[in-house]
Amino acid sequence: MTSGSHSQNNVDRFSGFENDYDQHRPKAPQAVIDILTSYLGRRPNLVADVGCGTGLSSYVWQGHADRIIGFEPNDDMRGKAISRLPEQGGEASISFVKGYSDKLALDAESVDVLTCSQSFHWMEPVSTLREFARVLRPEGVFAAYDCDWPPTLHWAVEAEYKKLIDRSEEIINKHVPEKDRASKRDKEKHLTHIHNSGLFRFSKEIVFHNLETCDAKRYVGLAVSQGGIQTVFKLGSTELDEQLRQFRSSVEHCFAGRSLEVRFSYRMRLGVK
C-alpha cells in the first residue's frame, strides 16, 4: 500500500481477519524463489517483501537469502507475521516493519530482490516503482506475483465463486460511499507499468502453477479470506448469506469429504533494474 490519506482505505480493508487469511491463503511457492534467484544469478543478500501481509511470502525465503525484511502497513497483518518469529529459534535473518511502498526505510541500492505477493494492485504504481528502483541494486530484481482466483477445481464450483465475489461487490457499492472504498488497480497493467516506468532494463511476465492439497473447508476459507467478502461481514450485512450458502454447498459436493490436489495458477510480472 502507498502512503497518503486515501490509501488508508486499502490498509483498513485487511484489518481483523489476519487469522483466516493466514490459515487459508497459500504460501509463496518454491518456483518464486527459483525464478528470482536464477534471474539475480546468486543467493540474495537482502530480500524486501513489500505488502507482506501475515508473512506467507516472507518466511519462504528463510534459508534462501541472508536477510529478509517484510514491510506491511496493516497492524493486524504485521502482528500475525511477528507472532511467528519465536518459532524461528532465535533466527535473526527475518524482520517485519511498518512501511508503505513509496517510502521504504532502506538505503539506496541495498536490495537484491524485491517482491510484492498479491499486493502490487493496492499500490500507486508510479511513486512505488520509483521507490523500488531507488532501493534495488543494479541488476536487482523486482517481482509482482499474483494467484488467479479461484484455484482450478471444477467449473461449477468456480462459477459459484464468481457469483459470490460479484454479489459482494454489489453489496459494497450499495452501502459504502465511493470515497470510502479500497482502491484496487488492474493487475493486467502491472507489466505495462513496469515497462513504461523506464526504470528497468528488462521486463517480462512469467506464468506458472503450483499444486496444493485442499479440502472443502480450506477451499471455502480461500473465498472467505477475500477482502471484499470480509468487507461485507464488517458491514454486518446478511445479504451475502444465501450466495455463500450456495457456494459452500457446491464446494462440499465437489470434494465429497475428500482432500484433493488443487492447481493454483500464478502470474509474475518482473523487472530487472
Foldseek 3Di string as FASTA:
>chain_A
DADDDLLVLVLCLQPDCLPLCVVQDAADDPVVLVVQCVLLVHQWAEEEEEQCFQPSDFVVCVVRYQAYEYEHQHPRRQVNNVVCVVVVVPDPRYYYDYDHLLDDPAAFQAGQEYEYEQHCQLHDLQSNVVSVLRRHHAQGKYKYKYWDPPFDADPVLRVLLVVLLVQLVVVCPVPPPPSSHRRGHDPVCVQVSQVVSPSFPDKDKDKDKDKDKDALVSSLSVSCSDSSNVVCVVVVDCSSVVSSVVSSVVSCVRRVGHIDTTMIMMMMIMGTD
